[in-house]
PDB file of N, CA and C in Angstrom:
ATOM      1  N   MET A   1      98.748  77.776  87.029  1.00  0.00           N
ATOM      2  CA  MET A   1     100.102  78.214  86.793  1.00  0.00           C
ATOM      3  C   MET A   1     100.196  79.719  86.533  1.00  0.00           C
ATOM      4  N   PRO A   2      99.249  80.301  85.764  1.00  0.00           N
ATOM      5  CA  PRO A   2      99.347  81.753  85.541  1.00  0.00           C
ATOM      6  C   PRO A   2      99.258  82.564  86.841  1.00  0.00           C
ATOM      7  N   ARG A   3      98.498  82.054  87.840  1.00  0.00           N
ATOM      8  CA  ARG A   3      98.408  82.784  89.104  1.00  0.00           C
ATOM      9  C   ARG A   3      99.748  82.815  89.813  1.00  0.00           C
ATOM     10  N   ILE A   4     100.478  81.711  89.738  1.00  0.00           N
ATOM     11  CA  ILE A   4     101.797  81.656  90.369  1.00  0.00           C
ATOM     12  C   ILE A   4     102.722  82.648  89.696  1.00  0.00           C
ATOM     13  N   ALA A   5     102.690  82.708  88.372  1.00  0.00           N
ATOM     14  CA  ALA A   5     103.527  83.660  87.635  1.00  0.00           C
ATOM     15  C   ALA A   5     103.126  85.098  87.950  1.00  0.00           C
ATOM     16  N   THR A   6     101.842  85.343  88.120  1.00  0.00           N
ATOM     17  CA  THR A   6     101.377  86.692  88.440  1.00  0.00           C
ATOM     18  C   THR A   6     101.890  87.123  89.812  1.00  0.00           C
ATOM     19  N   PHE A   7     101.817  86.245  90.791  1.00  0.00           N
ATOM     20  CA  PHE A   7     102.353  86.578  92.113  1.00  0.00           C
ATOM     21  C   PHE A   7     103.861  86.773  92.043  1.00  0.00           C
ATOM     22  N   GLY A   8     104.537  85.948  91.255  1.00  0.00           N
ATOM     23  CA  GLY A   8     105.981  86.101  91.086  1.00  0.00           C
ATOM     24  C   GLY A   8     106.330  87.459  90.497  1.00  0.00           C
ATOM     25  N   LEU A   9     105.556  87.906  89.530  1.00  0.00           N
ATOM     26  CA  LEU A   9     105.770  89.236  88.946  1.00  0.00           C
ATOM     27  C   LEU A   9     105.537  90.317  89.993  1.00  0.00           C
ATOM     28  N   GLY A  10     104.512  90.158  90.801  1.00  0.00           N
ATOM     29  CA  GLY A  10     104.252  91.121  91.876  1.00  0.00           C
ATOM     30  C   GLY A  10     105.400  91.181  92.864  1.00  0.00           C
ATOM     31  N   TYR A  11     105.948  90.032  93.234  1.00  0.00           N
ATOM     32  CA  TYR A  11     107.091  89.999  94.154  1.00  0.00           C
ATOM     33  C   TYR A  11     108.303  90.667  93.527  1.00  0.00           C
ATOM     34  N   TYR A  12     108.473  90.496  92.228  1.00  0.00           N
ATOM     35  CA  TYR A  12     109.585  91.164  91.528  1.00  0.00           C
ATOM     36  C   TYR A  12     109.414  92.684  91.597  1.00  0.00           C
ATOM     37  N   TRP A  13     108.203  93.162  91.334  1.00  0.00           N
ATOM     38  CA  TRP A  13     107.968  94.609  91.388  1.00  0.00           C
ATOM     39  C   TRP A  13     108.232  95.156  92.781  1.00  0.00           C
ATOM     40  N   VAL A  14     107.807  94.430  93.780  1.00  0.00           N
ATOM     41  CA  VAL A  14     108.046  94.864  95.152  1.00  0.00           C
ATOM     42  C   VAL A  14     109.547  94.911  95.435  1.00  0.00           C
ATOM     43  N   SER A  15     110.280  93.930  94.949  1.00  0.00           N
ATOM     44  CA  SER A  15     111.724  93.896  95.214  1.00  0.00           C
ATOM     45  C   SER A  15     112.445  95.072  94.580  1.00  0.00           C
ATOM     46  N   ARG A  16     111.879  95.628  93.536  1.00  0.00           N
ATOM     47  CA  ARG A  16     112.519  96.771  92.873  1.00  0.00           C
ATOM     48  C   ARG A  16     112.464  98.029  93.738  1.00  0.00           C
ATOM     49  N   ASP A  17     111.363  98.228  94.452  1.00  0.00           N
ATOM     50  CA  ASP A  17     111.236  99.375  95.352  1.00  0.00           C
ATOM     51  C   ASP A  17     110.148  99.077  96.386  1.00  0.00           C
ATOM     52  N   PRO A  18     110.515  98.390  97.476  1.00  0.00           N
ATOM     53  CA  PRO A  18     109.513  97.981  98.473  1.00  0.00           C
ATOM     54  C   PRO A  18     108.742  99.147  99.086  1.00  0.00           C
ATOM     55  N   SER A  19     109.363 100.315  99.187  1.00  0.00           N
ATOM     56  CA  SER A  19     108.699 101.435  99.854  1.00  0.00           C
ATOM     57  C   SER A  19     107.524 101.981  99.044  1.00  0.00           C
ATOM     58  N   LYS A  20     107.454 101.694  97.760  1.00  0.00           N
ATOM     59  CA  LYS A  20     106.367 102.200  96.922  1.00  0.00           C
ATOM     60  C   LYS A  20     105.285 101.160  96.655  1.00  0.00           C
ATOM     61  N   ASN A  21     105.493  99.944  97.070  1.00  0.00           N
ATOM     62  CA  ASN A  21     104.599  98.865  96.673  1.00  0.00           C
ATOM     63  C   ASN A  21     103.931  98.167  97.850  1.00  0.00           C
ATOM     64  N   HIS A  22     103.515  98.923  98.829  1.00  0.00           N
ATOM     65  CA  HIS A  22     102.909  98.320 100.011  1.00  0.00           C
ATOM     66  C   HIS A  22     101.599  97.600  99.691  1.00  0.00           C
ATOM     67  N   ASP A  23     100.869  98.077  98.691  1.00  0.00           N
ATOM     68  CA  ASP A  23      99.622  97.396  98.340  1.00  0.00           C
ATOM     69  C   ASP A  23      99.902  96.000  97.794  1.00  0.00           C
ATOM     70  N   LEU A  24     100.965  95.854  97.022  1.00  0.00           N
ATOM     71  CA  LEU A  24     101.340  94.528  96.524  1.00  0.00           C
ATOM     72  C   LEU A  24     101.808  93.624  97.660  1.00  0.00           C
ATOM     73  N   VAL A  25     102.485  94.199  98.647  1.00  0.00           N
ATOM     74  CA  VAL A  25     102.909  93.415  99.809  1.00  0.00           C
ATOM     75  C   VAL A  25     101.680  92.958 100.584  1.00  0.00           C
ATOM     76  N   ARG A  26     100.692  93.833 100.725  1.00  0.00           N
ATOM     77  CA  ARG A  26      99.441  93.439 101.390  1.00  0.00           C
ATOM     78  C   ARG A  26      98.770  92.284 100.645  1.00  0.00           C
ATOM     79  N   LEU A  27      98.722  92.389  99.318  1.00  0.00           N
ATOM     80  CA  LEU A  27      98.132  91.326  98.513  1.00  0.00           C
ATOM     81  C   LEU A  27      98.898  90.019  98.698  1.00  0.00           C
ATOM     82  N   GLY A  28     100.226  90.089  98.702  1.00  0.00           N
ATOM     83  CA  GLY A  28     101.046  88.899  98.920  1.00  0.00           C
ATOM     84  C   GLY A  28     100.804  88.292 100.290  1.00  0.00           C
ATOM     85  N   ALA A  29     100.704  89.142 101.307  1.00  0.00           N
ATOM     86  CA  ALA A  29     100.452  88.644 102.667  1.00  0.00           C
ATOM     87  C   ALA A  29      99.104  87.940 102.727  1.00  0.00           C
ATOM     88  N   MET A  30      98.089  88.543 102.135  1.00  0.00           N
ATOM     89  CA  MET A  30      96.764  87.915 102.136  1.00  0.00           C
ATOM     90  C   MET A  30      96.803  86.576 101.414  1.00  0.00           C
ATOM     91  N   GLY A  31      97.479  86.539 100.263  1.00  0.00           N
ATOM     92  CA  GLY A  31      97.552  85.301  99.497  1.00  0.00           C
ATOM     93  C   GLY A  31      98.260  84.198 100.261  1.00  0.00           C
ATOM     94  N   LYS A  32      99.394  84.534 100.876  1.00  0.00           N
ATOM     95  CA  LYS A  32     100.162  83.536 101.623  1.00  0.00           C
ATOM     96  C   LYS A  32      99.369  83.016 102.818  1.00  0.00           C
ATOM     97  N   LEU A  33      98.727  83.919 103.544  1.00  0.00           N
ATOM     98  CA  LEU A  33      97.955  83.502 104.713  1.00  0.00           C
ATOM     99  C   LEU A  33      96.748  82.657 104.305  1.00  0.00           C
ATOM    100  N   LEU A  34      96.123  83.006 103.186  1.00  0.00           N
ATOM    101  CA  LEU A  34      94.962  82.238 102.734  1.00  0.00           C
ATOM    102  C   LEU A  34      95.345  80.831 102.279  1.00  0.00           C
ATOM    103  N   VAL A  35      96.533  80.681 101.694  1.00  0.00           N
ATOM    104  CA  VAL A  35      96.990  79.338 101.319  1.00  0.00           C
ATOM    105  C   VAL A  35      97.041  78.459 102.560  1.00  0.00           C
ATOM    106  N   PHE A  36      97.631  78.986 103.634  1.00  0.00           N
ATOM    107  CA  PHE A  36      97.709  78.208 104.872  1.00  0.00           C
ATOM    108  C   PHE A  36      96.314  77.910 105.418  1.00  0.00           C
ATOM    109  N   VAL A  37      95.443  78.902 105.440  1.00  0.00           N
ATOM    110  CA  VAL A  37      94.096  78.717 105.977  1.00  0.00           C
ATOM    111  C   VAL A  37      93.336  77.644 105.192  1.00  0.00           C
ATOM    112  N   VAL A  38      93.455  77.654 103.880  1.00  0.00           N
ATOM    113  CA  VAL A  38      92.756  76.653 103.059  1.00  0.00           C
ATOM    114  C   VAL A  38      93.277  75.252 103.350  1.00  0.00           C
ATOM    115  N   PHE A  39      94.608  75.098 103.382  1.00  0.00           N
ATOM    116  CA  PHE A  39      95.165  73.773 103.669  1.00  0.00           C
ATOM    117  C   PHE A  39      94.777  73.305 105.070  1.00  0.00           C
ATOM    118  N   PHE A  40      94.898  74.200 106.049  1.00  0.00           N
ATOM    119  CA  PHE A  40      94.552  73.842 107.422  1.00  0.00           C
ATOM    120  C   PHE A  40      93.062  73.518 107.531  1.00  0.00           C
ATOM    121  N   GLY A  41      92.252  74.280 106.804  1.00  0.00           N
ATOM    122  CA  GLY A  41      90.810  74.034 106.804  1.00  0.00           C
ATOM    123  C   GLY A  41      90.448  72.666 106.248  1.00  0.00           C
ATOM    124  N   HIS A  42      91.251  72.164 105.327  1.00  0.00           N
ATOM    125  CA  HIS A  42      91.004  70.823 104.794  1.00  0.00           C
ATOM    126  C   HIS A  42      91.570  69.737 105.707  1.00  0.00           C
ATOM    127  N   LEU A  43      92.545  70.101 106.527  1.00  0.00           N
ATOM    128  CA  LEU A  43      93.123  69.123 107.455  1.00  0.00           C
ATOM    129  C   LEU A  43      92.155  68.791 108.589  1.00  0.00           C
ATOM    130  N   ILE A  44      91.478  69.793 109.119  1.00  0.00           N
ATOM    131  CA  ILE A  44      90.612  69.615 110.294  1.00  0.00           C
ATOM    132  C   ILE A  44      89.565  68.513 110.071  1.00  0.00           C
ATOM    133  N   PRO A  45      88.809  68.536 108.980  1.00  0.00           N
ATOM    134  CA  PRO A  45      87.828  67.453 108.807  1.00  0.00           C
ATOM    135  C   PRO A  45      88.428  66.158 108.254  1.00  0.00           C
ATOM    136  N   GLY A  46      89.729  66.156 108.002  1.00  0.00           N
ATOM    137  CA  GLY A  46      90.380  64.941 107.523  1.00  0.00           C
ATOM    138  C   GLY A  46      90.374  64.780 106.016  1.00  0.00           C
ATOM    139  N   ASN A  47      90.146  65.857 105.280  1.00  0.00           N
ATOM    140  CA  ASN A  47      90.133  65.769 103.819  1.00  0.00           C
ATOM    141  C   ASN A  47      91.522  65.531 103.234  1.00  0.00           C
ATOM    142  N   ILE A  48      92.564  66.014 103.922  1.00  0.00           N
ATOM    143  CA  ILE A  48      93.934  65.801 103.470  1.00  0.00           C
ATOM    144  C   ILE A  48      94.802  65.396 104.660  1.00  0.00           C
ATOM    145  N   MET A  49      95.966  64.847 104.357  1.00  0.00           N
ATOM    146  CA  MET A  49      96.877  64.399 105.403  1.00  0.00           C
ATOM    147  C   MET A  49      97.772  65.542 105.869  1.00  0.00           C
ATOM    148  N   LEU A  50      98.297  65.417 107.070  1.00  0.00           N
ATOM    149  CA  LEU A  50      99.163  66.439 107.657  1.00  0.00           C
ATOM    150  C   LEU A  50     100.372  66.722 106.782  1.00  0.00           C
ATOM    151  N   ARG A  51     100.941  65.706 106.177  1.00  0.00           N
ATOM    152  CA  ARG A  51     102.150  65.932 105.380  1.00  0.00           C
ATOM    153  C   ARG A  51     101.889  66.810 104.160  1.00  0.00           C
ATOM    154  N   LEU A  52     100.650  66.941 103.750  1.00  0.00           N
ATOM    155  CA  LEU A  52     100.315  67.869 102.671  1.00  0.00           C
ATOM    156  C   LEU A  52     100.147  69.296 103.183  1.00  0.00           C
ATOM    157  N   VAL A  53      99.880  69.442 104.460  1.00  0.00           N
ATOM    158  CA  VAL A  53      99.692  70.762 105.059  1.00  0.00           C
ATOM    159  C   VAL A  53     101.034  71.372 105.466  1.00  0.00           C
ATOM    160  N   LEU A  54     101.991  70.544 105.812  1.00  0.00           N
ATOM    161  CA  LEU A  54     103.273  71.049 106.316  1.00  0.00           C
ATOM    162  C   LEU A  54     103.947  72.061 105.391  1.00  0.00           C
ATOM    163  N   PRO A  55     103.980  71.860 104.066  1.00  0.00           N
ATOM    164  CA  PRO A  55     104.602  72.888 103.221  1.00  0.00           C
ATOM    165  C   PRO A  55     103.897  74.247 103.288  1.00  0.00           C
ATOM    166  N   SER A  56     102.611  74.246 103.624  1.00  0.00           N
ATOM    167  CA  SER A  56     101.900  75.525 103.718  1.00  0.00           C
ATOM    168  C   SER A  56     102.378  76.349 104.915  1.00  0.00           C
ATOM    169  N   LEU A  57     103.122  75.724 105.836  1.00  0.00           N
ATOM    170  CA  LEU A  57     103.715  76.487 106.936  1.00  0.00           C
ATOM    171  C   LEU A  57     104.718  77.510 106.415  1.00  0.00           C
ATOM    172  N   VAL A  58     105.347  77.216 105.276  1.00  0.00           N
ATOM    173  CA  VAL A  58     106.254  78.181 104.648  1.00  0.00           C
ATOM    174  C   VAL A  58     105.462  79.407 104.198  1.00  0.00           C
ATOM    175  N   ASP A  59     104.283  79.181 103.634  1.00  0.00           N
ATOM    176  CA  ASP A  59     103.424  80.299 103.243  1.00  0.00           C
ATOM    177  C   ASP A  59     103.004  81.112 104.465  1.00  0.00           C
ATOM    178  N   LEU A  60     102.679  80.428 105.545  1.00  0.00           N
ATOM    179  CA  LEU A  60     102.316  81.123 106.780  1.00  0.00           C
ATOM    180  C   LEU A  60     103.471  81.996 107.263  1.00  0.00           C
ATOM    181  N   LEU A  61     104.680  81.449 107.246  1.00  0.00           N
ATOM    182  CA  LEU A  61     105.853  82.212 107.666  1.00  0.00           C
ATOM    183  C   LEU A  61     106.049  83.445 106.790  1.00  0.00           C
ATOM    184  N   PHE A  62     105.970  83.287 105.478  1.00  0.00           N
ATOM    185  CA  PHE A  62     106.142  84.434 104.596  1.00  0.00           C
ATOM    186  C   PHE A  62     105.023  85.456 104.790  1.00  0.00           C
ATOM    187  N   GLY A  63     103.808  85.006 104.995  1.00  0.00           N
ATOM    188  CA  GLY A  63     102.710  85.934 105.258  1.00  0.00           C
ATOM    189  C   GLY A  63     102.962  86.760 106.506  1.00  0.00           C
ATOM    190  N   ILE A  64     103.470  86.127 107.551  1.00  0.00           N
ATOM    191  CA  ILE A  64     103.798  86.838 108.795  1.00  0.00           C
ATOM    192  C   ILE A  64     104.937  87.826 108.551  1.00  0.00           C
ATOM    193  N   LEU A  65     105.946  87.406 107.788  1.00  0.00           N
ATOM    194  CA  LEU A  65     107.060  88.308 107.481  1.00  0.00           C
ATOM    195  C   LEU A  65     106.605  89.503 106.651  1.00  0.00           C
ATOM    196  N   PHE A  66     105.684  89.280 105.721  1.00  0.00           N
ATOM    197  CA  PHE A  66     105.148  90.399 104.934  1.00  0.00           C
ATOM    198  C   PHE A  66     104.415  91.378 105.845  1.00  0.00           C
ATOM    199  N   LEU A  67     103.630  90.850 106.786  1.00  0.00           N
ATOM    200  CA  LEU A  67     102.919  91.736 107.719  1.00  0.00           C
ATOM    201  C   LEU A  67     103.893  92.503 108.606  1.00  0.00           C
ATOM    202  N   GLU A  68     104.973  91.841 109.006  1.00  0.00           N
ATOM    203  CA  GLU A  68     105.989  92.528 109.800  1.00  0.00           C
ATOM    204  C   GLU A  68     106.632  93.652 108.999  1.00  0.00           C
ATOM    205  N   PHE A  69     106.915  93.406 107.733  1.00  0.00           N
ATOM    206  CA  PHE A  69     107.460  94.451 106.867  1.00  0.00           C
ATOM    207  C   PHE A  69     106.514  95.651 106.822  1.00  0.00           C
ATOM    208  N   LEU A  70     105.231  95.387 106.632  1.00  0.00           N
ATOM    209  CA  LEU A  70     104.251  96.477 106.554  1.00  0.00           C
ATOM    210  C   LEU A  70     104.175  97.257 107.863  1.00  0.00           C
ATOM    211  N   ALA A  71     104.328  96.565 108.982  1.00  0.00           N
ATOM    212  CA  ALA A  71     104.257  97.227 110.282  1.00  0.00           C
ATOM    213  C   ALA A  71     105.496  98.088 110.552  1.00  0.00           C
ATOM    214  N   ARG A  72     106.639  97.662 110.046  1.00  0.00           N
ATOM    215  CA  ARG A  72     107.893  98.364 110.355  1.00  0.00           C
ATOM    216  C   ARG A  72     108.234  99.495 109.398  1.00  0.00           C
ATOM    217  N   PHE A  73     107.869  99.355 108.160  1.00  0.00           N
ATOM    218  CA  PHE A  73     108.303 100.324 107.145  1.00  0.00           C
ATOM    219  C   PHE A  73     107.122 101.069 106.565  1.00  0.00           C
ATOM    220  N   LYS A  74     107.223 102.361 106.610  1.00  0.00           N
ATOM    221  CA  LYS A  74     106.181 103.215 106.056  1.00  0.00           C
ATOM    222  C   LYS A  74     106.400 103.386 104.562  1.00  0.00           C
ATOM    223  N   SER A  75     105.319 103.566 103.814  1.00  0.00           N
ATOM    224  CA  SER A  75     105.464 103.767 102.379  1.00  0.00           C
ATOM    225  C   SER A  75     105.819 105.223 102.077  1.00  0.00           C
ATOM    226  N   LYS A  76     106.531 105.429 100.966  1.00  0.00           N
ATOM    227  CA  LYS A  76     106.888 106.772 100.527  1.00  0.00           C
ATOM    228  C   LYS A  76     105.661 107.437  99.923  1.00  0.00           C
ATOM    229  N   PRO A  77     105.505 108.738 100.137  1.00  0.00           N
ATOM    230  CA  PRO A  77     104.417 109.437  99.445  1.00  0.00           C
ATOM    231  C   PRO A  77     104.686 109.417  97.933  1.00  0.00           C
ATOM    232  N   GLN A  78     103.632 109.221  97.160  1.00  0.00           N
ATOM    233  CA  GLN A  78     103.837 109.139  95.701  1.00  0.00           C
ATOM    234  C   GLN A  78     103.620 110.437  95.012  1.00  0.00           C
TER     235      GLN A  78
END
């Protein structure tokens, strides 16, 4: 649970000024993509059912959107 709250705090900081927090966006993208990879990795050998993997598609979508944000918007010099 503390990890979820920590990511939530990071997303809040990014929302305050996205142009200054590209490193946090990168961390969020990595986290979201890894959630999908872990769930999918457990699906392949049959460790979990497909219906447990389907919600991780939302994480995959957000990870892709975070990467798109990073590709489109440059960070401000600090």
